[in-house]
């Protein structure tokens, strides 16, 4: 289902399912992250469901407001799900779960944009350092597809609230690093027009310490 107009990057509240018919395969990403074959197989054969809560709270250390995400991720395979906490302030925080192990996570807004041949794209300061390829920041910004062909990219939607940012559009950047130095995962969140419907999209790059990387565009359907 298309995302309603009132669902924006500043209001992702609701239930979402991964639309596998429109998304890149996730197995190559999970393999680079060292996820075992049994778990990958279960994920591949089941529906992936996200429950997202996005809200403002006061940062106790600064007294300033900060946007927080609480995200539950489950599958219909019967495997135990995960719960993720994210704060949109650029600060790195440690997290641990039974799927991805011990990680450090940071998240922040992207509001700076650039004009490429008449199209507006977010300016992504890629944090992927285990491997470098010119196409990584281009993919994260929406300039190219997962096969490096040209892409129409993210929709450019102006902020609806005062998030302390000004610009043509607003997107989110997420960076996760494995604390053992084995892999990193970088994501850009936004909305794209896919098959003439507005969809919530995560563009993901996973790299490992061997210099390998994989990219994926994950497309979600809004369930309410």
N, C-alpha and C. Protein backbone atom coordinates (compact mmCIF):
# COMPACT_ATOMS: atom_id res chain seq x y z
N UNK A 1 0.84 -1.20 0.00
CA UNK A 1 0.00 0.00 0.00
C UNK A 1 0.88 1.25 0.00
N UNK A 2 0.46 2.24 -0.77
CA UNK A 2 1.19 3.50 -0.82
C UNK A 2 1.15 4.19 0.52
N UNK A 3 2.20 4.97 0.80
CA UNK A 3 2.24 5.73 2.05
C UNK A 3 1.29 6.92 1.94
N UNK A 4 0.41 7.12 2.93
CA UNK A 4 -0.48 8.29 2.91
C UNK A 4 0.31 9.59 2.96
N UNK A 5 -0.33 10.68 2.58
CA UNK A 5 0.35 11.97 2.53
C UNK A 5 0.85 12.43 3.89
N UNK A 6 0.11 12.04 4.96
CA UNK A 6 0.53 12.50 6.29
C UNK A 6 1.65 11.66 6.89
N UNK A 7 2.03 10.60 6.19
CA UNK A 7 3.18 9.79 6.60
C UNK A 7 4.40 10.34 5.89
N UNK A 8 5.32 10.89 6.67
CA UNK A 8 6.51 11.54 6.13
C UNK A 8 7.74 11.04 6.88
N UNK A 9 8.91 11.54 6.51
CA UNK A 9 10.13 11.14 7.21
C UNK A 9 10.10 11.61 8.66
N UNK A 10 9.25 12.59 8.96
CA UNK A 10 9.08 13.08 10.33
C UNK A 10 7.93 12.39 11.06
N UNK A 11 7.24 11.51 10.35
CA UNK A 11 6.13 10.76 10.94
C UNK A 11 6.02 9.41 10.24
N UNK A 12 6.88 8.49 10.65
CA UNK A 12 6.87 7.14 10.08
C UNK A 12 6.07 6.17 10.95
N UNK A 13 5.28 6.70 11.85
CA UNK A 13 4.53 5.86 12.78
C UNK A 13 3.58 4.92 12.04
N UNK A 14 3.63 3.65 12.43
CA UNK A 14 2.72 2.69 11.83
C UNK A 14 3.36 1.33 11.63
N UNK A 15 2.63 0.49 10.94
CA UNK A 15 3.08 -0.87 10.62
C UNK A 15 3.45 -0.92 9.15
N UNK A 16 4.61 -1.52 8.88
CA UNK A 16 5.14 -1.60 7.52
C UNK A 16 5.55 -3.04 7.22
N UNK A 17 5.33 -3.47 5.98
CA UNK A 17 5.83 -4.78 5.55
C UNK A 17 6.79 -4.58 4.38
N UNK A 18 7.83 -5.40 4.35
CA UNK A 18 8.80 -5.34 3.25
C UNK A 18 8.15 -5.90 2.00
N UNK A 19 8.10 -5.11 0.94
CA UNK A 19 7.54 -5.54 -0.34
C UNK A 19 8.67 -6.20 -1.14
N UNK A 20 8.74 -7.52 -1.05
CA UNK A 20 9.85 -8.24 -1.67
C UNK A 20 9.78 -8.18 -3.19
N UNK A 21 8.59 -7.98 -3.74
CA UNK A 21 8.47 -7.93 -5.20
C UNK A 21 9.12 -6.68 -5.78
N UNK A 22 9.29 -5.64 -4.96
CA UNK A 22 9.90 -4.39 -5.42
C UNK A 22 11.28 -4.15 -4.83
N UNK A 23 11.69 -5.00 -3.89
CA UNK A 23 12.95 -4.79 -3.16
C UNK A 23 14.08 -5.64 -3.73
N UNK A 24 15.30 -5.22 -3.45
CA UNK A 24 16.47 -6.04 -3.75
C UNK A 24 16.51 -7.23 -2.80
N UNK A 25 17.18 -8.32 -3.18
CA UNK A 25 17.34 -9.44 -2.26
C UNK A 25 18.11 -9.03 -1.00
N UNK A 26 17.67 -9.53 0.14
CA UNK A 26 18.34 -9.19 1.40
C UNK A 26 19.38 -10.23 1.81
N UNK A 27 19.34 -11.42 1.22
CA UNK A 27 20.27 -12.48 1.64
C UNK A 27 21.73 -12.08 1.48
N UNK A 28 22.14 -11.42 0.38
CA UNK A 28 23.55 -11.02 0.27
C UNK A 28 24.00 -10.07 1.37
N UNK A 29 23.10 -9.19 1.82
CA UNK A 29 23.44 -8.28 2.91
C UNK A 29 23.66 -9.05 4.20
N UNK A 30 22.71 -9.93 4.52
CA UNK A 30 22.79 -10.69 5.77
C UNK A 30 24.01 -11.60 5.78
N UNK A 31 24.36 -12.15 4.61
CA UNK A 31 25.54 -13.02 4.54
C UNK A 31 26.81 -12.24 4.88
N UNK A 32 26.94 -11.01 4.37
CA UNK A 32 28.11 -10.19 4.69
C UNK A 32 28.17 -9.83 6.16
N UNK A 33 27.02 -9.80 6.82
CA UNK A 33 26.97 -9.49 8.24
C UNK A 33 27.17 -10.72 9.11
N UNK A 34 27.44 -11.85 8.48
CA UNK A 34 27.74 -13.07 9.22
C UNK A 34 26.53 -13.77 9.79
N UNK A 35 25.34 -13.46 9.27
CA UNK A 35 24.12 -14.13 9.75
C UNK A 35 24.08 -15.54 9.18
N UNK A 36 23.79 -16.51 10.03
CA UNK A 36 23.86 -17.91 9.58
C UNK A 36 22.76 -18.24 8.56
N UNK A 37 23.02 -19.32 7.82
CA UNK A 37 22.16 -19.69 6.70
C UNK A 37 20.73 -19.99 7.14
N UNK A 38 20.56 -20.61 8.28
CA UNK A 38 19.22 -20.97 8.76
C UNK A 38 18.37 -19.72 8.96
N UNK A 39 18.95 -18.71 9.61
CA UNK A 39 18.22 -17.46 9.84
C UNK A 39 17.94 -16.76 8.51
N UNK A 40 18.93 -16.73 7.62
CA UNK A 40 18.73 -16.08 6.32
C UNK A 40 17.62 -16.76 5.52
N UNK A 41 17.61 -18.08 5.57
CA UNK A 41 16.58 -18.84 4.86
C UNK A 41 15.20 -18.54 5.42
N UNK A 42 15.10 -18.48 6.74
CA UNK A 42 13.81 -18.19 7.38
C UNK A 42 13.32 -16.80 7.01
N UNK A 43 14.23 -15.83 7.00
CA UNK A 43 13.87 -14.46 6.63
C UNK A 43 13.42 -14.41 5.17
N UNK A 44 14.14 -15.15 4.32
CA UNK A 44 13.83 -15.14 2.90
C UNK A 44 12.49 -15.75 2.56
N UNK A 45 12.01 -16.66 3.41
CA UNK A 45 10.76 -17.36 3.13
C UNK A 45 9.57 -16.77 3.88
N UNK A 46 9.77 -15.70 4.62
CA UNK A 46 8.68 -15.16 5.44
C UNK A 46 8.49 -13.67 5.17
N UNK A 47 7.42 -13.13 5.70
CA UNK A 47 7.17 -11.70 5.61
C UNK A 47 7.94 -10.98 6.71
N UNK A 48 8.50 -9.82 6.37
CA UNK A 48 9.22 -8.99 7.33
C UNK A 48 8.33 -7.81 7.70
N UNK A 49 8.10 -7.63 8.99
CA UNK A 49 7.15 -6.64 9.47
C UNK A 49 7.84 -5.67 10.42
N UNK A 50 7.69 -4.38 10.16
CA UNK A 50 8.23 -3.34 11.03
C UNK A 50 7.09 -2.62 11.76
N UNK A 51 7.31 -2.37 13.04
CA UNK A 51 6.43 -1.49 13.79
C UNK A 51 7.25 -0.28 14.20
N UNK A 52 6.89 0.90 13.72
CA UNK A 52 7.70 2.10 13.96
C UNK A 52 6.95 3.10 14.82
N UNK A 53 7.64 3.55 15.87
CA UNK A 53 7.16 4.67 16.68
C UNK A 53 8.21 5.78 16.60
N UNK A 54 7.80 6.94 16.17
CA UNK A 54 8.70 8.09 16.04
C UNK A 54 8.13 9.24 16.86
N UNK A 55 8.92 9.76 17.78
CA UNK A 55 8.39 10.80 18.66
C UNK A 55 9.53 11.66 19.20
N UNK A 56 9.16 12.81 19.75
CA UNK A 56 10.14 13.73 20.34
C UNK A 56 10.22 13.50 21.84
N UNK A 57 11.43 13.58 22.38
CA UNK A 57 11.64 13.52 23.81
C UNK A 57 12.76 14.49 24.17
N UNK A 58 12.97 14.70 25.45
CA UNK A 58 14.03 15.59 25.90
C UNK A 58 15.28 14.78 26.20
N UNK A 59 16.39 15.18 25.60
CA UNK A 59 17.68 14.54 25.89
C UNK A 59 18.12 14.95 27.29
N UNK A 60 18.24 13.97 28.18
CA UNK A 60 18.57 14.27 29.57
C UNK A 60 19.95 14.91 29.73
N UNK A 61 20.86 14.63 28.81
CA UNK A 61 22.22 15.16 28.93
C UNK A 61 22.32 16.62 28.47
N UNK A 62 21.42 17.03 27.57
CA UNK A 62 21.50 18.39 27.03
C UNK A 62 20.28 19.25 27.36
N UNK A 63 19.18 18.60 27.71
CA UNK A 63 17.95 19.33 27.94
C UNK A 63 17.26 19.77 26.66
N UNK A 64 17.79 19.33 25.51
CA UNK A 64 17.24 19.71 24.22
C UNK A 64 16.33 18.61 23.68
N UNK A 65 15.33 18.97 22.86
CA UNK A 65 14.47 17.95 22.26
C UNK A 65 15.23 17.13 21.23
N UNK A 66 14.90 15.86 21.13
CA UNK A 66 15.52 14.97 20.15
C UNK A 66 14.46 14.00 19.65
N UNK A 67 14.54 13.63 18.39
CA UNK A 67 13.61 12.66 17.82
C UNK A 67 14.13 11.25 18.11
N UNK A 68 13.21 10.41 18.56
CA UNK A 68 13.57 9.03 18.90
C UNK A 68 12.70 8.06 18.10
N UNK A 69 13.32 6.97 17.66
CA UNK A 69 12.61 5.87 17.01
C UNK A 69 12.65 4.64 17.90
N UNK A 70 11.52 3.96 18.01
CA UNK A 70 11.46 2.62 18.57
C UNK A 70 10.92 1.72 17.46
N UNK A 71 11.74 0.78 17.03
CA UNK A 71 11.38 -0.04 15.87
C UNK A 71 11.42 -1.51 16.24
N UNK A 72 10.28 -2.18 16.10
CA UNK A 72 10.23 -3.63 16.28
C UNK A 72 10.30 -4.27 14.90
N UNK A 73 11.09 -5.31 14.78
CA UNK A 73 11.21 -6.02 13.51
C UNK A 73 10.94 -7.50 13.75
N UNK A 74 9.93 -8.02 13.06
CA UNK A 74 9.53 -9.41 13.23
C UNK A 74 9.31 -10.04 11.86
N UNK A 75 9.30 -11.37 11.85
CA UNK A 75 8.97 -12.10 10.63
C UNK A 75 7.87 -13.10 10.95
N UNK A 76 7.25 -13.63 9.91
CA UNK A 76 6.22 -14.65 10.09
C UNK A 76 6.83 -16.04 10.20
N UNK A 77 8.16 -16.12 10.31
CA UNK A 77 8.85 -17.42 10.40
C UNK A 77 8.78 -18.02 11.79
N UNK A 78 8.43 -17.21 12.79
CA UNK A 78 8.44 -17.68 14.17
C UNK A 78 9.74 -17.40 14.89
N UNK A 79 10.75 -16.88 14.18
CA UNK A 79 12.00 -16.50 14.83
C UNK A 79 11.76 -15.32 15.76
N UNK A 80 12.48 -15.25 16.88
CA UNK A 80 12.35 -14.08 17.76
C UNK A 80 12.70 -12.80 17.01
N UNK A 81 11.94 -11.76 17.26
CA UNK A 81 12.18 -10.48 16.60
C UNK A 81 13.23 -9.65 17.32
N UNK A 82 13.43 -8.44 16.85
CA UNK A 82 14.37 -7.51 17.47
C UNK A 82 13.66 -6.18 17.73
N UNK A 83 14.20 -5.42 18.68
CA UNK A 83 13.72 -4.07 18.96
C UNK A 83 14.90 -3.11 18.89
N UNK A 84 14.75 -2.04 18.12
CA UNK A 84 15.83 -1.09 17.92
C UNK A 84 15.42 0.28 18.47
N UNK A 85 16.34 0.93 19.16
CA UNK A 85 16.15 2.31 19.59
C UNK A 85 17.12 3.20 18.82
N UNK A 86 16.60 4.27 18.25
CA UNK A 86 17.42 5.19 17.46
C UNK A 86 17.12 6.63 17.89
N UNK A 87 18.18 7.44 18.02
CA UNK A 87 18.03 8.86 18.32
C UNK A 87 18.62 9.66 17.18
N UNK A 88 17.89 10.64 16.69
CA UNK A 88 18.33 11.42 15.53
C UNK A 88 19.11 12.64 16.00
N UNK A 89 20.34 12.39 16.43
CA UNK A 89 21.19 13.49 16.91
C UNK A 89 22.65 13.34 16.49
N UNK A 90 22.96 12.31 15.70
CA UNK A 90 24.33 12.11 15.23
C UNK A 90 25.25 11.44 16.21
N UNK A 91 24.80 11.20 17.44
CA UNK A 91 25.65 10.58 18.45
C UNK A 91 25.61 9.06 18.33
N UNK A 92 26.76 8.45 18.56
CA UNK A 92 26.87 7.00 18.47
C UNK A 92 26.47 6.36 19.80
N UNK A 93 25.63 5.32 19.71
CA UNK A 93 25.20 4.59 20.90
C UNK A 93 25.36 3.09 20.66
N UNK A 94 25.71 2.38 21.71
CA UNK A 94 25.91 0.94 21.59
C UNK A 94 24.58 0.20 21.72
N UNK A 95 24.50 -0.91 21.00
CA UNK A 95 23.31 -1.75 21.05
C UNK A 95 23.72 -3.19 20.84
N UNK A 96 22.90 -4.12 21.35
CA UNK A 96 23.18 -5.54 21.18
C UNK A 96 21.87 -6.29 21.02
N UNK A 97 21.84 -7.22 20.06
CA UNK A 97 20.69 -8.12 19.93
C UNK A 97 21.17 -9.48 19.45
N UNK A 98 20.24 -10.44 19.42
CA UNK A 98 20.60 -11.82 19.14
C UNK A 98 20.84 -12.09 17.66
N UNK A 99 20.52 -11.14 16.80
CA UNK A 99 20.73 -11.30 15.36
C UNK A 99 22.05 -10.68 14.92
N UNK A 100 22.25 -9.41 15.24
CA UNK A 100 23.41 -8.66 14.74
C UNK A 100 24.53 -8.50 15.75
N UNK A 101 24.33 -8.96 16.97
CA UNK A 101 25.38 -8.89 17.97
C UNK A 101 25.60 -7.49 18.51
N UNK A 102 26.85 -7.19 18.87
CA UNK A 102 27.19 -5.90 19.47
C UNK A 102 27.53 -4.89 18.38
N UNK A 103 26.81 -3.77 18.41
CA UNK A 103 27.00 -2.74 17.39
C UNK A 103 27.01 -1.35 18.03
N UNK A 104 27.46 -0.38 17.25
CA UNK A 104 27.34 1.03 17.60
C UNK A 104 26.57 1.71 16.48
N UNK A 105 25.59 2.54 16.86
CA UNK A 105 24.64 3.07 15.89
C UNK A 105 24.55 4.59 16.02
N UNK A 106 24.51 5.28 14.89
CA UNK A 106 24.26 6.72 14.87
C UNK A 106 23.26 7.04 13.78
N UNK A 107 22.52 8.12 13.98
CA UNK A 107 21.48 8.51 13.03
C UNK A 107 21.37 10.03 13.01
N UNK A 108 21.11 10.58 11.81
CA UNK A 108 20.98 12.03 11.73
C UNK A 108 20.16 12.41 10.50
N UNK A 109 19.69 13.66 10.52
CA UNK A 109 18.98 14.19 9.37
C UNK A 109 19.95 14.49 8.24
N UNK A 110 19.44 14.40 7.01
CA UNK A 110 20.12 14.94 5.83
C UNK A 110 19.19 16.01 5.27
N UNK A 111 19.67 17.24 5.20
CA UNK A 111 18.85 18.29 4.60
C UNK A 111 19.55 18.97 3.42
N UNK A 112 20.85 18.77 3.32
CA UNK A 112 21.59 19.38 2.21
C UNK A 112 21.31 18.61 0.93
N UNK A 113 21.11 19.32 -0.17
CA UNK A 113 20.80 18.66 -1.43
C UNK A 113 21.65 19.24 -2.56
N UNK A 114 21.65 18.55 -3.69
CA UNK A 114 22.43 18.98 -4.85
C UNK A 114 21.59 18.77 -6.10
N UNK A 115 21.90 19.55 -7.12
CA UNK A 115 21.21 19.46 -8.39
C UNK A 115 22.11 18.75 -9.39
N UNK A 116 21.66 17.59 -9.87
CA UNK A 116 22.41 16.81 -10.85
C UNK A 116 21.57 16.70 -12.11
N UNK A 117 21.96 17.45 -13.13
CA UNK A 117 21.26 17.44 -14.42
C UNK A 117 19.77 17.69 -14.25
N UNK A 118 19.44 18.66 -13.40
CA UNK A 118 18.05 19.05 -13.22
C UNK A 118 17.29 18.27 -12.18
N UNK A 119 17.93 17.29 -11.54
CA UNK A 119 17.27 16.51 -10.50
C UNK A 119 17.91 16.82 -9.14
N UNK A 120 17.08 16.84 -8.11
CA UNK A 120 17.55 17.12 -6.76
C UNK A 120 17.79 15.82 -6.01
N UNK A 121 18.97 15.69 -5.41
CA UNK A 121 19.33 14.52 -4.62
C UNK A 121 19.89 14.96 -3.28
N UNK A 122 19.71 14.15 -2.22
CA UNK A 122 20.36 14.48 -0.95
C UNK A 122 21.87 14.37 -1.06
N UNK A 123 22.57 15.19 -0.31
CA UNK A 123 24.03 15.10 -0.23
C UNK A 123 24.36 14.11 0.89
N UNK A 124 24.88 12.96 0.52
CA UNK A 124 25.19 11.91 1.49
C UNK A 124 26.68 11.89 1.77
N UNK A 125 27.05 12.19 2.99
CA UNK A 125 28.44 12.07 3.43
C UNK A 125 28.63 10.64 3.91
N UNK A 126 28.99 9.76 2.99
CA UNK A 126 29.04 8.33 3.30
C UNK A 126 30.06 8.02 4.39
N UNK A 127 29.64 7.18 5.32
CA UNK A 127 30.51 6.76 6.42
C UNK A 127 31.08 5.36 6.19
N UNK A 128 30.76 4.76 5.04
CA UNK A 128 31.28 3.43 4.73
C UNK A 128 32.77 3.53 4.42
N UNK A 129 33.61 3.00 5.32
CA UNK A 129 35.06 3.17 5.19
C UNK A 129 35.80 1.85 4.98
N UNK A 130 35.12 0.71 5.16
CA UNK A 130 35.80 -0.57 4.96
C UNK A 130 36.10 -0.82 3.49
N UNK A 131 35.37 -0.14 2.62
CA UNK A 131 35.58 -0.26 1.18
C UNK A 131 35.15 1.06 0.55
N UNK A 132 35.80 1.44 -0.56
CA UNK A 132 35.39 2.67 -1.23
C UNK A 132 35.07 2.38 -2.69
N UNK A 133 33.95 2.92 -3.11
CA UNK A 133 33.53 2.85 -4.50
C UNK A 133 32.71 4.11 -4.76
N UNK A 134 32.97 4.79 -5.87
CA UNK A 134 32.23 6.02 -6.19
C UNK A 134 30.73 5.81 -6.22
N UNK A 135 30.31 4.58 -6.54
CA UNK A 135 28.88 4.31 -6.67
C UNK A 135 28.17 4.16 -5.32
N UNK A 136 28.93 3.99 -4.23
CA UNK A 136 28.28 3.84 -2.92
C UNK A 136 27.53 5.11 -2.53
N UNK A 137 28.18 6.29 -2.49
CA UNK A 137 27.41 7.49 -2.15
C UNK A 137 26.35 7.83 -3.18
N UNK A 138 26.59 7.49 -4.44
CA UNK A 138 25.58 7.74 -5.47
C UNK A 138 24.33 6.89 -5.23
N UNK A 139 24.55 5.63 -4.86
CA UNK A 139 23.41 4.76 -4.58
C UNK A 139 22.66 5.24 -3.34
N UNK A 140 23.39 5.58 -2.29
CA UNK A 140 22.74 6.04 -1.06
C UNK A 140 21.95 7.33 -1.28
N UNK A 141 22.41 8.16 -2.20
CA UNK A 141 21.72 9.42 -2.50
C UNK A 141 20.55 9.24 -3.46
N UNK A 142 20.46 8.05 -4.07
CA UNK A 142 19.38 7.80 -5.02
C UNK A 142 19.71 8.15 -6.45
N UNK A 143 20.98 8.43 -6.73
CA UNK A 143 21.37 8.79 -8.10
C UNK A 143 21.40 7.58 -9.02
N UNK A 144 21.70 6.40 -8.47
CA UNK A 144 21.76 5.18 -9.27
C UNK A 144 20.98 4.08 -8.57
N UNK A 145 20.57 3.09 -9.36
CA UNK A 145 19.89 1.92 -8.82
C UNK A 145 20.90 0.90 -8.31
N UNK A 146 20.41 -0.25 -7.85
CA UNK A 146 21.32 -1.26 -7.32
C UNK A 146 22.17 -1.91 -8.40
N UNK A 147 21.83 -1.68 -9.68
CA UNK A 147 22.66 -2.17 -10.78
C UNK A 147 23.48 -1.05 -11.41
N UNK A 148 23.54 0.11 -10.72
CA UNK A 148 24.28 1.31 -11.14
C UNK A 148 23.68 2.03 -12.34
N UNK A 149 22.48 1.64 -12.76
CA UNK A 149 21.79 2.40 -13.81
C UNK A 149 21.20 3.67 -13.21
N UNK A 150 20.97 4.71 -14.02
CA UNK A 150 20.43 5.97 -13.48
C UNK A 150 19.09 5.76 -12.78
N UNK A 151 18.87 6.51 -11.72
CA UNK A 151 17.65 6.38 -10.92
C UNK A 151 16.97 7.74 -10.77
N UNK A 152 15.65 7.73 -10.66
CA UNK A 152 14.92 8.97 -10.37
C UNK A 152 15.10 9.38 -8.92
N UNK A 153 15.48 8.43 -8.08
CA UNK A 153 15.85 8.74 -6.70
C UNK A 153 14.70 9.07 -5.79
N UNK A 154 15.06 9.69 -4.68
CA UNK A 154 14.09 10.03 -3.64
C UNK A 154 13.19 11.19 -4.06
N UNK A 155 11.98 11.18 -3.54
CA UNK A 155 11.14 12.36 -3.64
C UNK A 155 11.73 13.47 -2.77
N UNK A 156 11.58 14.69 -3.22
CA UNK A 156 12.09 15.84 -2.47
C UNK A 156 10.92 16.46 -1.72
N UNK A 157 10.85 16.19 -0.43
CA UNK A 157 9.73 16.64 0.39
C UNK A 157 10.25 17.53 1.51
N UNK A 158 9.74 18.73 1.56
CA UNK A 158 10.22 19.71 2.54
C UNK A 158 9.80 19.31 3.94
N UNK A 159 10.60 19.71 4.95
CA UNK A 159 10.24 19.40 6.34
C UNK A 159 8.87 19.96 6.69
N UNK A 160 8.10 19.16 7.44
CA UNK A 160 6.78 19.59 7.89
C UNK A 160 6.84 20.24 9.27
N UNK A 161 7.92 19.96 10.00
CA UNK A 161 8.07 20.47 11.35
C UNK A 161 9.41 21.20 11.47
N UNK A 162 9.60 21.86 12.60
CA UNK A 162 10.87 22.54 12.87
C UNK A 162 11.86 21.52 13.43
N UNK A 163 12.74 21.05 12.58
CA UNK A 163 13.75 20.08 13.03
C UNK A 163 15.13 20.73 13.08
N UNK A 164 15.14 22.05 13.03
CA UNK A 164 16.42 22.76 13.09
C UNK A 164 17.20 22.68 11.80
N UNK A 165 16.52 22.30 10.73
CA UNK A 165 17.17 22.16 9.44
C UNK A 165 16.38 22.92 8.39
N UNK A 166 17.06 23.47 7.41
CA UNK A 166 16.39 24.11 6.29
C UNK A 166 17.02 23.59 5.01
N UNK A 167 16.19 23.37 4.00
CA UNK A 167 16.70 22.88 2.74
C UNK A 167 15.56 22.48 1.84
N UNK A 168 15.90 21.97 0.64
CA UNK A 168 14.87 21.57 -0.31
C UNK A 168 14.10 20.35 0.17
N UNK A 169 14.78 19.43 0.85
CA UNK A 169 14.14 18.20 1.29
C UNK A 169 14.72 17.73 2.60
N UNK A 170 14.18 16.62 3.08
CA UNK A 170 14.63 16.05 4.35
C UNK A 170 14.66 14.54 4.24
N UNK A 171 15.78 13.94 4.65
CA UNK A 171 15.97 12.50 4.63
C UNK A 171 16.67 12.08 5.92
N UNK A 172 16.85 10.80 6.12
CA UNK A 172 17.55 10.30 7.30
C UNK A 172 18.72 9.42 6.89
N UNK A 173 19.81 9.52 7.65
CA UNK A 173 20.99 8.69 7.44
C UNK A 173 21.24 7.87 8.70
N UNK A 174 21.44 6.58 8.53
CA UNK A 174 21.70 5.66 9.63
C UNK A 174 23.01 4.93 9.36
N UNK A 175 23.85 4.82 10.38
CA UNK A 175 25.11 4.09 10.23
C UNK A 175 25.28 3.14 11.41
N UNK A 176 25.58 1.89 11.10
CA UNK A 176 25.77 0.85 12.10
C UNK A 176 27.13 0.21 11.87
N UNK A 177 27.91 0.06 12.93
CA UNK A 177 29.19 -0.65 12.79
C UNK A 177 29.27 -1.77 13.81
N UNK A 178 29.72 -2.91 13.36
CA UNK A 178 29.96 -4.04 14.23
C UNK A 178 31.15 -3.74 15.12
N UNK A 179 30.99 -3.96 16.44
CA UNK A 179 32.05 -3.58 17.37
C UNK A 179 33.29 -4.45 17.27
N UNK A 180 33.20 -5.57 16.58
CA UNK A 180 34.39 -6.39 16.31
C UNK A 180 35.08 -5.99 15.01
N UNK A 181 34.55 -4.97 14.35
CA UNK A 181 35.18 -4.47 13.12
C UNK A 181 34.94 -5.34 11.91
N UNK A 182 33.92 -6.23 11.96
CA UNK A 182 33.71 -7.17 10.86
C UNK A 182 32.88 -6.59 9.73
N UNK A 183 31.97 -5.67 10.03
CA UNK A 183 31.10 -5.13 8.99
C UNK A 183 30.52 -3.78 9.41
N UNK A 184 30.04 -3.05 8.41
CA UNK A 184 29.27 -1.82 8.64
C UNK A 184 28.02 -1.87 7.76
N UNK A 185 27.00 -1.14 8.18
CA UNK A 185 25.78 -1.00 7.38
C UNK A 185 25.38 0.47 7.38
N UNK A 186 25.17 1.01 6.20
CA UNK A 186 24.78 2.41 6.07
C UNK A 186 23.46 2.48 5.31
N UNK A 187 22.58 3.37 5.76
CA UNK A 187 21.26 3.47 5.14
C UNK A 187 20.88 4.94 4.94
N UNK A 188 20.12 5.19 3.86
CA UNK A 188 19.43 6.45 3.67
C UNK A 188 17.94 6.15 3.59
N UNK A 189 17.15 6.90 4.36
CA UNK A 189 15.70 6.69 4.39
C UNK A 189 15.00 7.86 3.71
N UNK A 190 13.96 7.55 2.96
CA UNK A 190 13.15 8.58 2.34
C UNK A 190 11.97 7.93 1.63
N UNK A 191 11.38 8.66 0.71
CA UNK A 191 10.26 8.14 -0.07
C UNK A 191 10.61 8.22 -1.55
N UNK A 192 10.15 7.22 -2.30
CA UNK A 192 10.36 7.20 -3.74
C UNK A 192 9.04 6.91 -4.44
N UNK A 193 8.95 7.36 -5.67
CA UNK A 193 7.79 7.07 -6.50
C UNK A 193 8.09 5.79 -7.27
N UNK A 194 7.43 4.70 -6.89
CA UNK A 194 7.68 3.39 -7.49
C UNK A 194 6.37 2.86 -8.05
N UNK A 195 6.36 2.57 -9.35
CA UNK A 195 5.14 2.09 -10.01
C UNK A 195 3.98 3.05 -9.74
N UNK A 196 4.30 4.35 -9.79
CA UNK A 196 3.32 5.43 -9.63
C UNK A 196 2.68 5.46 -8.24
N UNK A 197 3.37 4.92 -7.25
CA UNK A 197 2.91 5.01 -5.87
C UNK A 197 4.05 5.49 -4.99
N UNK A 198 3.70 6.26 -3.97
CA UNK A 198 4.69 6.80 -3.05
C UNK A 198 5.02 5.74 -2.00
N UNK A 199 6.28 5.34 -1.94
CA UNK A 199 6.70 4.26 -1.06
C UNK A 199 7.84 4.70 -0.14
N UNK A 200 7.78 4.21 1.10
CA UNK A 200 8.90 4.38 2.04
C UNK A 200 10.03 3.45 1.61
N UNK A 201 11.25 4.00 1.50
CA UNK A 201 12.39 3.24 0.97
C UNK A 201 13.60 3.42 1.87
N UNK A 202 14.31 2.33 2.06
CA UNK A 202 15.63 2.37 2.69
C UNK A 202 16.65 1.91 1.67
N UNK A 203 17.63 2.75 1.38
CA UNK A 203 18.75 2.34 0.54
C UNK A 203 19.89 1.93 1.46
N UNK A 204 20.39 0.72 1.28
CA UNK A 204 21.30 0.09 2.24
C UNK A 204 22.59 -0.34 1.56
N UNK A 205 23.72 -0.07 2.23
CA UNK A 205 25.02 -0.58 1.80
C UNK A 205 25.66 -1.31 2.98
N UNK A 206 25.99 -2.58 2.79
CA UNK A 206 26.70 -3.36 3.80
C UNK A 206 28.08 -3.69 3.27
N UNK A 207 29.11 -3.46 4.08
CA UNK A 207 30.48 -3.79 3.68
C UNK A 207 31.14 -4.58 4.80
N UNK A 208 32.17 -5.36 4.44
CA UNK A 208 32.87 -6.13 5.47
C UNK A 208 34.36 -5.84 5.45
N UNK A 209 35.06 -6.43 6.40
CA UNK A 209 36.49 -6.16 6.57
C UNK A 209 37.34 -6.77 5.46
N UNK A 210 36.74 -7.60 4.60
CA UNK A 210 37.45 -8.18 3.46
C UNK A 210 37.39 -7.28 2.23
N UNK A 211 36.73 -6.13 2.37
CA UNK A 211 36.61 -5.22 1.24
C UNK A 211 35.46 -5.53 0.31
N UNK A 212 34.54 -6.39 0.75
CA UNK A 212 33.37 -6.73 -0.05
C UNK A 212 32.20 -5.83 0.36
N UNK A 213 31.30 -5.56 -0.58
CA UNK A 213 30.09 -4.83 -0.21
C UNK A 213 28.93 -5.23 -1.11
N UNK A 214 27.73 -5.00 -0.60
CA UNK A 214 26.50 -5.25 -1.34
C UNK A 214 25.54 -4.09 -1.07
N UNK A 215 24.71 -3.79 -2.05
CA UNK A 215 23.72 -2.73 -1.88
C UNK A 215 22.32 -3.32 -2.07
N UNK A 216 21.34 -2.64 -1.51
CA UNK A 216 19.95 -3.07 -1.67
C UNK A 216 19.02 -1.88 -1.49
N UNK A 217 17.97 -1.87 -2.27
CA UNK A 217 16.88 -0.91 -2.07
C UNK A 217 15.71 -1.68 -1.48
N UNK A 218 15.34 -1.33 -0.26
CA UNK A 218 14.25 -2.01 0.45
C UNK A 218 13.01 -1.12 0.39
N UNK A 219 11.94 -1.67 -0.16
CA UNK A 219 10.70 -0.93 -0.37
C UNK A 219 9.63 -1.47 0.56
N UNK A 220 8.96 -0.58 1.27
CA UNK A 220 7.99 -0.99 2.28
C UNK A 220 6.57 -0.56 1.91
N UNK A 221 5.62 -1.42 2.29
CA UNK A 221 4.20 -1.12 2.12
C UNK A 221 3.61 -0.69 3.46
N UNK A 222 2.83 0.37 3.44
CA UNK A 222 2.20 0.87 4.67
C UNK A 222 0.96 0.05 4.97
N UNK A 223 0.89 -0.47 6.20
CA UNK A 223 -0.24 -1.32 6.59
C UNK A 223 -1.16 -0.65 7.61
N UNK A 224 -0.80 0.56 8.04
CA UNK A 224 -1.70 1.26 8.97
C UNK A 224 -1.09 1.49 10.33
